[in-house]
N, C-alpha and C. Protein backbone atom coordinates (compact mmCIF):
# COMPACT_ATOMS: atom_id res chain seq x y z
N MET A 1 15.46 -15.44 -10.83
CA MET A 1 14.93 -14.36 -10.09
C MET A 1 15.35 -14.95 -8.41
N LYS A 2 15.99 -14.56 -7.87
CA LYS A 2 16.49 -14.84 -6.47
C LYS A 2 15.20 -14.53 -5.42
N THR A 3 15.44 -15.18 -3.99
CA THR A 3 14.08 -14.61 -3.70
C THR A 3 14.69 -14.36 -2.02
N ASN A 4 14.37 -13.41 -1.83
CA ASN A 4 14.82 -12.92 0.23
C ASN A 4 16.60 -13.30 0.30
N LYS A 5 17.24 -12.92 -0.84
CA LYS A 5 18.57 -12.77 -0.93
C LYS A 5 18.88 -11.82 0.06
N LYS A 6 19.64 -12.24 1.04
CA LYS A 6 19.95 -11.05 2.56
C LYS A 6 20.61 -9.79 1.99
N SER A 7 21.70 -10.07 1.10
CA SER A 7 22.30 -8.91 0.93
C SER A 7 21.64 -8.07 -0.08
N ASN A 8 20.60 -8.37 -0.45
CA ASN A 8 19.92 -7.18 -1.53
C ASN A 8 18.50 -7.21 -1.05
N SER A 9 17.86 -7.46 0.34
CA SER A 9 16.80 -7.42 0.57
C SER A 9 16.04 -6.08 0.77
N VAL A 10 15.02 -6.01 0.53
CA VAL A 10 14.16 -4.87 0.66
C VAL A 10 13.26 -4.73 1.93
N PHE A 11 13.57 -3.58 2.46
CA PHE A 11 12.70 -3.69 4.21
C PHE A 11 11.91 -2.48 4.38
N ILE A 12 11.07 -2.54 4.95
CA ILE A 12 10.13 -1.59 5.98
C ILE A 12 10.14 -1.14 6.83
N VAL A 13 10.50 0.07 7.32
CA VAL A 13 10.76 0.68 8.47
C VAL A 13 9.26 1.66 8.99
N PRO A 14 8.73 1.56 9.72
CA PRO A 14 8.22 1.09 10.70
C PRO A 14 7.38 0.06 10.04
N THR A 15 7.30 -1.25 10.86
CA THR A 15 6.08 -2.32 10.56
C THR A 15 4.66 -1.53 10.96
N LEU A 16 4.52 -0.98 12.17
CA LEU A 16 3.43 -0.43 12.60
C LEU A 16 3.47 1.32 12.39
N VAL A 17 2.24 1.49 11.43
CA VAL A 17 2.34 2.66 10.42
C VAL A 17 1.19 3.53 10.79
N SER A 18 0.97 4.83 10.75
CA SER A 18 -0.36 5.47 11.02
C SER A 18 -0.47 6.52 9.78
N ASN A 19 0.52 6.97 9.03
CA ASN A 19 0.40 7.80 7.99
C ASN A 19 1.40 7.42 6.86
N GLN A 20 2.34 6.91 7.01
CA GLN A 20 3.53 6.55 5.80
C GLN A 20 4.16 5.08 6.17
N ALA A 21 3.96 4.30 5.15
CA ALA A 21 5.07 3.23 5.44
C ALA A 21 6.61 3.78 4.65
N MET A 22 7.53 3.65 5.21
CA MET A 22 8.75 3.61 5.00
C MET A 22 9.37 2.48 4.29
N VAL A 23 9.92 2.38 3.19
CA VAL A 23 10.66 1.55 2.33
C VAL A 23 12.01 1.86 2.27
N ASN A 24 12.98 1.14 2.58
CA ASN A 24 14.39 1.38 2.20
C ASN A 24 14.64 0.23 1.36
N ALA A 25 15.16 0.72 0.12
CA ALA A 25 15.47 -0.49 -0.80
C ALA A 25 16.75 -0.13 -1.29
N PRO A 26 17.42 -1.31 -1.72
CA PRO A 26 18.61 -1.41 -2.15
C PRO A 26 18.61 -1.50 -3.82
N GLU A 27 17.55 -0.94 -4.26
CA GLU A 27 17.22 -0.99 -5.88
C GLU A 27 16.12 -0.43 -6.13
N ASN A 28 16.05 -0.20 -7.39
CA ASN A 28 14.56 0.20 -8.17
C ASN A 28 13.44 -1.34 -8.04
N TYR A 29 12.26 -0.98 -7.29
CA TYR A 29 11.49 -2.04 -7.10
C TYR A 29 10.17 -1.65 -7.66
N SER A 30 9.09 -2.50 -7.58
CA SER A 30 7.73 -2.40 -7.73
C SER A 30 6.92 -3.00 -6.21
N TYR A 31 5.92 -2.33 -6.32
CA TYR A 31 4.89 -2.87 -4.98
C TYR A 31 3.81 -3.12 -5.36
N ARG A 32 2.60 -4.00 -4.50
CA ARG A 32 1.69 -4.19 -4.29
C ARG A 32 1.34 -4.15 -2.97
N LEU A 33 0.30 -3.35 -2.58
CA LEU A 33 -0.52 -3.19 -1.28
C LEU A 33 -1.30 -4.35 -1.25
N ILE A 34 -1.76 -4.96 -0.18
CA ILE A 34 -2.66 -6.26 -0.45
C ILE A 34 -3.19 -6.04 0.81
N ASP A 35 -4.81 -6.22 1.16
CA ASP A 35 -5.26 -6.22 2.16
C ASP A 35 -5.72 -7.89 2.55
N VAL A 36 -6.26 -7.60 3.91
CA VAL A 36 -6.26 -9.38 4.48
C VAL A 36 -6.99 -10.22 3.49
N ASN A 37 -7.92 -9.46 2.91
CA ASN A 37 -8.86 -10.46 2.10
C ASN A 37 -8.25 -10.77 0.83
N GLY A 38 -6.97 -10.33 0.46
CA GLY A 38 -6.14 -10.85 -0.69
C GLY A 38 -6.34 -9.83 -1.76
N ARG A 39 -6.96 -8.75 -1.54
CA ARG A 39 -7.05 -7.80 -2.75
C ARG A 39 -6.08 -6.63 -2.79
N VAL A 40 -5.60 -6.55 -4.17
CA VAL A 40 -4.61 -5.71 -4.24
C VAL A 40 -5.18 -4.25 -4.29
N ILE A 41 -4.64 -3.30 -3.32
CA ILE A 41 -5.63 -2.35 -3.17
C ILE A 41 -4.95 -1.02 -3.50
N GLU A 42 -3.45 -1.01 -4.12
CA GLU A 42 -2.57 -0.03 -4.50
C GLU A 42 -1.34 -0.68 -5.38
N SER A 43 -0.98 -0.02 -6.39
CA SER A 43 0.38 -0.41 -6.66
C SER A 43 1.30 0.38 -7.61
N GLY A 44 2.42 0.18 -7.20
CA GLY A 44 3.55 1.43 -7.53
C GLY A 44 4.93 0.95 -7.92
N ARG A 45 5.84 1.88 -7.74
CA ARG A 45 7.07 1.89 -8.10
C ARG A 45 7.48 2.82 -7.19
N GLY A 46 9.09 2.14 -6.45
CA GLY A 46 9.99 2.89 -5.90
C GLY A 46 11.29 2.64 -6.53
N VAL A 47 12.38 3.98 -5.94
CA VAL A 47 13.90 3.80 -6.38
C VAL A 47 14.58 3.39 -5.38
N LEU A 48 15.81 3.57 -5.58
CA LEU A 48 17.06 2.86 -4.87
C LEU A 48 16.89 3.97 -3.46
N GLY A 49 16.85 3.62 -2.40
CA GLY A 49 16.75 4.42 -1.17
C GLY A 49 15.67 4.46 -0.58
N THR A 50 15.66 5.64 0.12
CA THR A 50 14.15 5.45 1.16
C THR A 50 13.04 6.14 0.42
N ASN A 51 11.85 5.53 0.33
CA ASN A 51 10.36 6.07 -0.30
C ASN A 51 9.35 5.91 0.81
N ASN A 52 8.42 6.49 0.54
CA ASN A 52 7.10 7.06 1.48
C ASN A 52 6.10 6.13 0.82
N ILE A 53 5.42 5.16 1.27
CA ILE A 53 4.11 4.84 0.70
C ILE A 53 2.65 5.48 1.50
N GLU A 54 2.16 6.61 0.96
CA GLU A 54 1.00 7.13 1.90
C GLU A 54 0.07 5.97 2.12
N MET A 55 -0.32 5.87 3.58
CA MET A 55 -1.11 5.11 4.25
C MET A 55 -2.43 6.11 4.85
N SER A 56 -2.24 7.16 5.00
CA SER A 56 -3.15 7.82 5.79
C SER A 56 -4.72 7.90 5.25
N ASN A 57 -4.88 7.46 3.96
CA ASN A 57 -6.35 7.26 3.52
C ASN A 57 -6.65 6.02 3.42
N LYS A 58 -5.78 4.83 4.20
CA LYS A 58 -6.20 3.58 4.20
C LYS A 58 -7.16 3.27 5.80
N SER A 59 -7.89 2.40 5.82
CA SER A 59 -8.30 2.02 7.02
C SER A 59 -7.38 1.27 7.85
N ALA A 60 -7.57 1.43 9.22
CA ALA A 60 -6.87 0.90 10.16
C ALA A 60 -6.81 -1.14 9.64
N GLY A 61 -5.69 -1.38 10.21
CA GLY A 61 -5.83 -3.03 10.07
C GLY A 61 -4.59 -3.58 9.64
N LEU A 62 -4.52 -4.69 9.23
CA LEU A 62 -3.38 -5.48 8.35
C LEU A 62 -3.39 -5.36 7.07
N TYR A 63 -2.21 -5.05 6.76
CA TYR A 63 -1.79 -5.23 5.05
C TYR A 63 -1.01 -5.81 5.06
N PHE A 64 -0.61 -6.37 3.54
CA PHE A 64 0.57 -6.85 3.25
C PHE A 64 1.21 -6.19 1.98
N ILE A 65 2.73 -5.75 1.72
CA ILE A 65 3.11 -5.31 0.92
C ILE A 65 3.98 -6.30 0.01
N GLU A 66 4.01 -6.21 -1.19
CA GLU A 66 4.63 -7.23 -1.98
C GLU A 66 5.67 -6.22 -2.71
N LEU A 67 6.98 -6.55 -2.31
CA LEU A 67 8.43 -5.50 -2.85
C LEU A 67 8.96 -6.60 -3.83
N ILE A 68 9.10 -5.99 -5.20
CA ILE A 68 9.79 -6.63 -6.27
C ILE A 68 10.60 -6.00 -6.85
N GLY A 69 12.10 -6.53 -6.59
CA GLY A 69 13.05 -5.84 -7.43
C GLY A 69 13.53 -6.97 -8.13
N VAL A 70 14.88 -6.26 -8.81
CA VAL A 70 15.45 -7.33 -10.04
C VAL A 70 16.06 -8.53 -9.33
N THR A 71 16.75 -8.64 -8.03
CA THR A 71 17.52 -9.81 -7.32
C THR A 71 16.51 -9.96 -6.18
N SER A 72 15.42 -9.53 -5.82
CA SER A 72 14.65 -9.75 -4.90
C SER A 72 13.44 -9.72 -4.80
N LYS A 73 12.48 -10.55 -3.99
CA LYS A 73 11.31 -10.58 -3.91
C LYS A 73 10.61 -10.53 -2.47
N GLU A 74 10.10 -9.98 -1.81
CA GLU A 74 9.72 -10.23 -0.60
C GLU A 74 8.21 -9.56 -0.01
N ILE A 75 7.70 -10.40 0.90
CA ILE A 75 6.31 -9.69 1.37
C ILE A 75 6.57 -9.47 2.61
N LYS A 76 6.04 -8.31 3.59
CA LYS A 76 6.03 -7.60 4.31
C LYS A 76 4.77 -7.38 4.96
N ARG A 77 4.12 -7.20 6.21
CA ARG A 77 3.26 -6.90 7.06
C ARG A 77 3.32 -5.59 7.24
N ILE A 78 2.61 -4.95 7.04
CA ILE A 78 2.26 -3.71 7.62
C ILE A 78 0.89 -3.38 8.62
N ILE A 79 0.95 -3.03 9.84
CA ILE A 79 -0.36 -2.90 10.62
C ILE A 79 -0.69 -1.53 10.64
N LYS A 80 -1.28 -0.63 10.14
CA LYS A 80 -1.90 0.40 10.20
C LYS A 80 -2.73 0.88 11.62
N GLN A 81 -2.49 1.56 12.19
CA GLN A 81 -2.94 2.11 13.26
C GLN A 81 -4.31 3.16 12.89
């Protein structure tokens, strides 16, 4: 597995969210949403293209999202307002 290969990177827009985190993915992927204490609070799968992860039911604060595709693996920060 290649990590953070630029041409196949998965990314989140925006980093600052209130209701949804938008993931733009170049391939199908799985994800884990992790709180600041390292607990996995949600996991799921997404498909090629734009996907939304519901954040409205989460408390305000800092989260990490681990995105795992066939050719890439990335961890990004999300700040929930």
